[in-house]
Amino acid sequence: MIRGTFFILFFYFIGELVSVMIGRFVPGSVLGMVFLFCALFFKLIKPEYVKDAATVITKNMAVFFVPVAVGLMTYFDLLKQHWVAILAAIAVSSVLVIVSVAFVQERFEKRKGKKDESEQPQD
């Protein structure tokens, strides 16, 4: 678990470093996740190394949202003033994500179906 925590924090800090170097155009935590994904994808590190630490983090995800929720309350007046626009943006973006994921999933299912048909022996 210590090794997994090390790898997760290592890639987080590398992401933060790169983010600072490129002018904070992309958040460091996002870059760190991308770097960790690439390291796992290209088998630079084994998934078993980070599995336990990632499971603990995922199971306690609610703890990470508490500071964000508290910080959001400092902007309560602004939220109260623009709640309709915020709600509309959340609704539209949620629908776009659902439609996009459905489209991509459908394409993968069709591709997988064609692959399965071509692998079956012809009688």
N, C-alpha and C. Protein backbone atom coordinates (compact mmCIF):
# COMPACT_ATOMS: atom_id res chain seq x y z
N MET A 1 0.83 -1.19 0.00
CA MET A 1 0.00 0.00 0.00
C MET A 1 0.87 1.26 0.00
N ILE A 2 2.02 1.19 0.66
CA ILE A 2 2.92 2.34 0.69
C ILE A 2 3.46 2.61 -0.71
N ARG A 3 3.79 1.54 -1.43
CA ARG A 3 4.29 1.69 -2.80
C ARG A 3 3.21 2.34 -3.69
N GLY A 4 1.96 1.91 -3.54
CA GLY A 4 0.87 2.48 -4.32
C GLY A 4 0.66 3.94 -4.01
N THR A 5 0.70 4.29 -2.73
CA THR A 5 0.56 5.69 -2.33
C THR A 5 1.70 6.52 -2.90
N PHE A 6 2.90 5.95 -2.88
CA PHE A 6 4.05 6.65 -3.46
C PHE A 6 3.82 6.93 -4.94
N PHE A 7 3.40 5.91 -5.70
CA PHE A 7 3.20 6.11 -7.14
C PHE A 7 2.11 7.14 -7.42
N ILE A 8 1.02 7.08 -6.68
CA ILE A 8 -0.07 8.04 -6.89
C ILE A 8 0.41 9.45 -6.59
N LEU A 9 1.09 9.64 -5.47
CA LEU A 9 1.60 10.97 -5.13
C LEU A 9 2.70 11.42 -6.08
N PHE A 10 3.55 10.48 -6.50
CA PHE A 10 4.62 10.81 -7.45
C PHE A 10 4.04 11.38 -8.74
N PHE A 11 3.05 10.69 -9.30
CA PHE A 11 2.47 11.17 -10.55
C PHE A 11 1.66 12.45 -10.34
N TYR A 12 1.06 12.61 -9.16
CA TYR A 12 0.37 13.86 -8.84
C TYR A 12 1.37 15.03 -8.85
N PHE A 13 2.51 14.85 -8.17
CA PHE A 13 3.50 15.93 -8.12
C PHE A 13 4.13 16.19 -9.48
N ILE A 14 4.36 15.16 -10.26
CA ILE A 14 4.87 15.36 -11.63
C ILE A 14 3.84 16.16 -12.43
N GLY A 15 2.58 15.83 -12.28
CA GLY A 15 1.52 16.57 -12.96
C GLY A 15 1.48 18.02 -12.54
N GLU A 16 1.63 18.28 -11.25
CA GLU A 16 1.66 19.66 -10.76
C GLU A 16 2.86 20.42 -11.32
N LEU A 17 4.01 19.76 -11.37
CA LEU A 17 5.22 20.38 -11.91
C LEU A 17 5.03 20.74 -13.38
N VAL A 18 4.51 19.82 -14.15
CA VAL A 18 4.27 20.09 -15.58
C VAL A 18 3.23 21.20 -15.74
N SER A 19 2.21 21.18 -14.89
CA SER A 19 1.18 22.22 -14.95
C SER A 19 1.76 23.61 -14.73
N VAL A 20 2.64 23.73 -13.75
CA VAL A 20 3.30 25.01 -13.49
C VAL A 20 4.16 25.41 -14.69
N MET A 21 4.85 24.44 -15.28
CA MET A 21 5.73 24.74 -16.41
C MET A 21 4.97 25.20 -17.65
N ILE A 22 3.73 24.72 -17.83
CA ILE A 22 2.95 25.13 -19.00
C ILE A 22 1.98 26.25 -18.68
N GLY A 23 2.12 26.85 -17.52
CA GLY A 23 1.30 28.02 -17.18
C GLY A 23 -0.06 27.68 -16.62
N ARG A 24 -0.19 26.53 -15.98
CA ARG A 24 -1.45 26.12 -15.35
C ARG A 24 -2.61 26.07 -16.32
N PHE A 25 -2.33 25.75 -17.57
CA PHE A 25 -3.39 25.61 -18.57
C PHE A 25 -4.27 24.39 -18.27
N VAL A 26 -3.64 23.33 -17.79
CA VAL A 26 -4.34 22.11 -17.39
C VAL A 26 -4.01 21.85 -15.93
N PRO A 27 -5.00 21.51 -15.10
CA PRO A 27 -4.72 21.26 -13.68
C PRO A 27 -3.71 20.12 -13.50
N GLY A 28 -2.84 20.29 -12.53
CA GLY A 28 -1.81 19.30 -12.27
C GLY A 28 -2.36 17.94 -11.89
N SER A 29 -3.47 17.93 -11.17
CA SER A 29 -4.05 16.64 -10.78
C SER A 29 -4.53 15.86 -11.99
N VAL A 30 -5.06 16.56 -12.98
CA VAL A 30 -5.51 15.91 -14.21
C VAL A 30 -4.30 15.37 -14.98
N LEU A 31 -3.26 16.18 -15.10
CA LEU A 31 -2.05 15.71 -15.77
C LEU A 31 -1.45 14.51 -15.05
N GLY A 32 -1.46 14.55 -13.73
CA GLY A 32 -0.95 13.43 -12.95
C GLY A 32 -1.72 12.14 -13.22
N MET A 33 -3.05 12.25 -13.31
CA MET A 33 -3.85 11.07 -13.63
C MET A 33 -3.53 10.55 -15.03
N VAL A 34 -3.33 11.46 -15.97
CA VAL A 34 -2.98 11.04 -17.33
C VAL A 34 -1.62 10.34 -17.33
N PHE A 35 -0.67 10.89 -16.61
CA PHE A 35 0.66 10.27 -16.54
C PHE A 35 0.59 8.89 -15.87
N LEU A 36 -0.20 8.78 -14.80
CA LEU A 36 -0.37 7.49 -14.13
C LEU A 36 -1.03 6.49 -15.07
N PHE A 37 -2.05 6.94 -15.80
CA PHE A 37 -2.71 6.07 -16.77
C PHE A 37 -1.72 5.58 -17.82
N CYS A 38 -0.91 6.48 -18.34
CA CYS A 38 0.09 6.10 -19.35
C CYS A 38 1.09 5.11 -18.79
N ALA A 39 1.52 5.33 -17.56
CA ALA A 39 2.47 4.40 -16.94
C ALA A 39 1.85 3.01 -16.77
N LEU A 40 0.58 2.97 -16.42
CA LEU A 40 -0.11 1.68 -16.30
C LEU A 40 -0.34 1.06 -17.68
N PHE A 41 -0.74 1.87 -18.64
CA PHE A 41 -1.04 1.37 -19.99
C PHE A 41 0.20 0.78 -20.65
N PHE A 42 1.32 1.47 -20.52
CA PHE A 42 2.56 1.00 -21.14
C PHE A 42 3.34 0.05 -20.23
N LYS A 43 2.68 -0.39 -19.15
CA LYS A 43 3.24 -1.38 -18.23
C LYS A 43 4.57 -0.95 -17.60
N LEU A 44 4.71 0.36 -17.36
CA LEU A 44 5.88 0.85 -16.64
C LEU A 44 5.77 0.53 -15.16
N ILE A 45 4.52 0.51 -14.67
CA ILE A 45 4.25 0.04 -13.31
C ILE A 45 3.11 -0.96 -13.37
N LYS A 46 3.08 -1.87 -12.43
CA LYS A 46 2.05 -2.90 -12.41
C LYS A 46 0.80 -2.37 -11.71
N PRO A 47 -0.38 -2.72 -12.21
CA PRO A 47 -1.62 -2.27 -11.56
C PRO A 47 -1.72 -2.72 -10.10
N GLU A 48 -1.12 -3.86 -9.78
CA GLU A 48 -1.17 -4.35 -8.40
C GLU A 48 -0.49 -3.38 -7.43
N TYR A 49 0.47 -2.61 -7.94
CA TYR A 49 1.19 -1.67 -7.08
C TYR A 49 0.26 -0.57 -6.54
N VAL A 50 -0.67 -0.12 -7.36
CA VAL A 50 -1.52 1.02 -6.97
C VAL A 50 -2.94 0.61 -6.60
N LYS A 51 -3.28 -0.66 -6.78
CA LYS A 51 -4.66 -1.10 -6.58
C LYS A 51 -5.16 -0.84 -5.16
N ASP A 52 -4.39 -1.24 -4.15
CA ASP A 52 -4.85 -1.08 -2.76
C ASP A 52 -5.01 0.39 -2.38
N ALA A 53 -4.03 1.20 -2.72
CA ALA A 53 -4.11 2.63 -2.39
C ALA A 53 -5.26 3.30 -3.14
N ALA A 54 -5.44 2.93 -4.40
CA ALA A 54 -6.53 3.51 -5.19
C ALA A 54 -7.89 3.10 -4.63
N THR A 55 -8.00 1.88 -4.16
CA THR A 55 -9.26 1.41 -3.57
C THR A 55 -9.60 2.20 -2.31
N VAL A 56 -8.62 2.44 -1.47
CA VAL A 56 -8.86 3.22 -0.25
C VAL A 56 -9.31 4.63 -0.61
N ILE A 57 -8.63 5.24 -1.56
CA ILE A 57 -8.99 6.60 -1.98
C ILE A 57 -10.40 6.63 -2.56
N THR A 58 -10.72 5.66 -3.40
CA THR A 58 -12.03 5.62 -4.03
C THR A 58 -13.14 5.40 -3.01
N LYS A 59 -12.91 4.53 -2.05
CA LYS A 59 -13.94 4.26 -1.04
C LYS A 59 -14.18 5.45 -0.12
N ASN A 60 -13.21 6.32 0.02
CA ASN A 60 -13.34 7.49 0.89
C ASN A 60 -13.43 8.79 0.09
N MET A 61 -13.98 8.71 -1.10
CA MET A 61 -14.05 9.85 -2.00
C MET A 61 -14.83 11.03 -1.41
N ALA A 62 -15.85 10.74 -0.61
CA ALA A 62 -16.67 11.81 -0.04
C ALA A 62 -15.84 12.78 0.80
N VAL A 63 -14.81 12.29 1.45
CA VAL A 63 -13.96 13.15 2.28
C VAL A 63 -13.30 14.25 1.45
N PHE A 64 -12.98 13.94 0.20
CA PHE A 64 -12.31 14.91 -0.66
C PHE A 64 -13.24 16.02 -1.15
N PHE A 65 -14.55 15.80 -1.05
CA PHE A 65 -15.50 16.81 -1.50
C PHE A 65 -15.87 17.81 -0.40
N VAL A 66 -15.58 17.50 0.85
CA VAL A 66 -15.92 18.39 1.96
C VAL A 66 -15.25 19.76 1.82
N PRO A 67 -13.93 19.85 1.59
CA PRO A 67 -13.31 21.17 1.44
C PRO A 67 -13.88 21.97 0.27
N VAL A 68 -14.21 21.28 -0.81
CA VAL A 68 -14.78 21.97 -1.97
C VAL A 68 -16.15 22.54 -1.62
N ALA A 69 -16.97 21.76 -0.94
CA ALA A 69 -18.30 22.23 -0.56
C ALA A 69 -18.22 23.40 0.41
N VAL A 70 -17.30 23.35 1.35
CA VAL A 70 -17.13 24.46 2.29
C VAL A 70 -16.64 25.70 1.56
N GLY A 71 -15.69 25.53 0.66
CA GLY A 71 -15.18 26.65 -0.12
C GLY A 71 -16.24 27.26 -1.02
N LEU A 72 -17.13 26.42 -1.51
CA LEU A 72 -18.21 26.90 -2.37
C LEU A 72 -19.16 27.83 -1.62
N MET A 73 -19.32 27.61 -0.34
CA MET A 73 -20.22 28.44 0.45
C MET A 73 -19.71 29.88 0.60
N THR A 74 -18.44 30.11 0.36
CA THR A 74 -17.94 31.49 0.41
C THR A 74 -18.48 32.31 -0.76
N TYR A 75 -18.97 31.62 -1.78
CA TYR A 75 -19.55 32.29 -2.95
C TYR A 75 -21.07 32.15 -2.98
N PHE A 76 -21.69 32.00 -1.81
CA PHE A 76 -23.13 31.76 -1.75
C PHE A 76 -23.94 32.87 -2.42
N ASP A 77 -23.57 34.13 -2.20
CA ASP A 77 -24.31 35.24 -2.82
C ASP A 77 -24.24 35.16 -4.34
N LEU A 78 -23.08 34.84 -4.87
CA LEU A 78 -22.92 34.71 -6.32
C LEU A 78 -23.72 33.52 -6.85
N LEU A 79 -23.71 32.43 -6.11
CA LEU A 79 -24.49 31.26 -6.51
C LEU A 79 -25.99 31.57 -6.49
N LYS A 80 -26.43 32.29 -5.46
CA LYS A 80 -27.83 32.66 -5.35
C LYS A 80 -28.26 33.56 -6.50
N GLN A 81 -27.37 34.41 -6.94
CA GLN A 81 -27.67 35.35 -8.02
C GLN A 81 -27.74 34.64 -9.38
N HIS A 82 -26.92 33.63 -9.60
CA HIS A 82 -26.83 33.00 -10.92
C HIS A 82 -27.24 31.52 -10.91
N TRP A 83 -28.12 31.13 -10.01
CA TRP A 83 -28.46 29.72 -9.86
C TRP A 83 -29.11 29.13 -11.09
N VAL A 84 -29.90 29.92 -11.82
CA VAL A 84 -30.58 29.39 -13.01
C VAL A 84 -29.55 29.03 -14.09
N ALA A 85 -28.60 29.92 -14.33
CA ALA A 85 -27.57 29.65 -15.33
C ALA A 85 -26.70 28.46 -14.92
N ILE A 86 -26.39 28.37 -13.65
CA ILE A 86 -25.57 27.25 -13.16
C ILE A 86 -26.33 25.94 -13.32
N LEU A 87 -27.60 25.94 -12.95
CA LEU A 87 -28.41 24.74 -13.08
C LEU A 87 -28.56 24.33 -14.55
N ALA A 88 -28.75 25.31 -15.43
CA ALA A 88 -28.86 25.01 -16.86
C ALA A 88 -27.56 24.43 -17.40
N ALA A 89 -26.44 25.00 -17.00
CA ALA A 89 -25.14 24.49 -17.45
C ALA A 89 -24.91 23.06 -16.96
N ILE A 90 -25.30 22.78 -15.73
CA ILE A 90 -25.15 21.42 -15.19
C ILE A 90 -26.04 20.45 -15.97
N ALA A 91 -27.28 20.84 -16.22
CA ALA A 91 -28.21 19.96 -16.94
C ALA A 91 -27.73 19.69 -18.36
N VAL A 92 -27.36 20.75 -19.08
CA VAL A 92 -26.92 20.58 -20.47
C VAL A 92 -25.65 19.75 -20.54
N SER A 93 -24.69 20.04 -19.69
CA SER A 93 -23.43 19.28 -19.74
C SER A 93 -23.66 17.83 -19.35
N SER A 94 -24.56 17.57 -18.41
CA SER A 94 -24.86 16.18 -18.03
C SER A 94 -25.48 15.41 -19.19
N VAL A 95 -26.41 16.05 -19.88
CA VAL A 95 -27.03 15.40 -21.04
C VAL A 95 -26.00 15.15 -22.13
N LEU A 96 -25.12 16.11 -22.38
CA LEU A 96 -24.07 15.92 -23.39
C LEU A 96 -23.14 14.76 -23.03
N VAL A 97 -22.80 14.65 -21.78
CA VAL A 97 -21.93 13.55 -21.35
C VAL A 97 -22.64 12.21 -21.53
N ILE A 98 -23.90 12.14 -21.12
CA ILE A 98 -24.65 10.89 -21.25
C ILE A 98 -24.78 10.48 -22.71
N VAL A 99 -25.12 11.43 -23.58
CA VAL A 99 -25.25 11.14 -25.01
C VAL A 99 -23.91 10.72 -25.61
N SER A 100 -22.85 11.41 -25.24
CA SER A 100 -21.52 11.08 -25.77
C SER A 100 -21.09 9.68 -25.35
N VAL A 101 -21.28 9.35 -24.09
CA VAL A 101 -20.90 8.03 -23.60
C VAL A 101 -21.75 6.95 -24.27
N ALA A 102 -23.04 7.21 -24.43
CA ALA A 102 -23.91 6.25 -25.10
C ALA A 102 -23.46 6.02 -26.54
N PHE A 103 -23.10 7.08 -27.24
CA PHE A 103 -22.64 6.97 -28.62
C PHE A 103 -21.35 6.15 -28.70
N VAL A 104 -20.40 6.46 -27.85
CA VAL A 104 -19.12 5.74 -27.86
C VAL A 104 -19.34 4.28 -27.48
N GLN A 105 -20.16 4.02 -26.47
CA GLN A 105 -20.44 2.65 -26.06
C GLN A 105 -21.10 1.86 -27.19
N GLU A 106 -22.04 2.48 -27.87
CA GLU A 106 -22.71 1.82 -28.99
C GLU A 106 -21.71 1.46 -30.09
N ARG A 107 -20.80 2.38 -30.38
CA ARG A 107 -19.77 2.10 -31.40
C ARG A 107 -18.89 0.93 -30.98
N PHE A 108 -18.49 0.90 -29.72
CA PHE A 108 -17.66 -0.20 -29.23
C PHE A 108 -18.42 -1.53 -29.29
N GLU A 109 -19.70 -1.50 -28.94
CA GLU A 109 -20.50 -2.72 -28.98
C GLU A 109 -20.62 -3.24 -30.41
N LYS A 110 -20.86 -2.34 -31.38
CA LYS A 110 -20.94 -2.76 -32.78
C LYS A 110 -19.62 -3.34 -33.25
N ARG A 111 -18.53 -2.68 -32.90
CA ARG A 111 -17.20 -3.15 -33.30
C ARG A 111 -16.91 -4.52 -32.68
N LYS A 112 -17.29 -4.68 -31.42
CA LYS A 112 -17.07 -5.95 -30.75
C LYS A 112 -17.93 -7.04 -31.37
N GLY A 113 -19.17 -6.70 -31.73
CA GLY A 113 -20.06 -7.67 -32.38
C GLY A 113 -19.52 -8.14 -33.71
N LYS A 114 -18.97 -7.23 -34.51
CA LYS A 114 -18.38 -7.60 -35.79
C LYS A 114 -17.16 -8.49 -35.58
N LYS A 115 -16.37 -8.18 -34.56
CA LYS A 115 -15.18 -8.98 -34.28
C LYS A 115 -15.58 -10.38 -33.84
N ASP A 116 -16.62 -10.48 -32.99
CA ASP A 116 -17.09 -11.79 -32.53
C ASP A 116 -17.62 -12.63 -33.68
N GLU A 117 -18.34 -12.00 -34.62
CA GLU A 117 -18.87 -12.72 -35.77
C GLU A 117 -17.76 -13.24 -36.67
N SER A 118 -16.71 -12.47 -36.84
CA SER A 118 -15.62 -12.89 -37.72
C SER A 118 -14.78 -14.00 -37.08
N GLU A 119 -14.81 -14.13 -35.76
CA GLU A 119 -14.04 -15.16 -35.08
C GLU A 119 -14.75 -16.50 -35.02
N GLN A 120 -16.07 -16.52 -35.26
CA GLN A 120 -16.81 -17.77 -35.20
C GLN A 120 -16.50 -18.62 -36.43
N PRO A 121 -16.36 -19.93 -36.24
CA PRO A 121 -16.06 -20.79 -37.39
C PRO A 121 -17.26 -20.86 -38.34
N GLN A 122 -16.97 -20.85 -39.62
CA GLN A 122 -18.01 -20.91 -40.64
C GLN A 122 -18.38 -22.37 -40.89
N ASP A 123 -19.67 -22.69 -40.88
CA ASP A 123 -20.13 -24.07 -41.12
C ASP A 123 -20.38 -24.31 -42.58
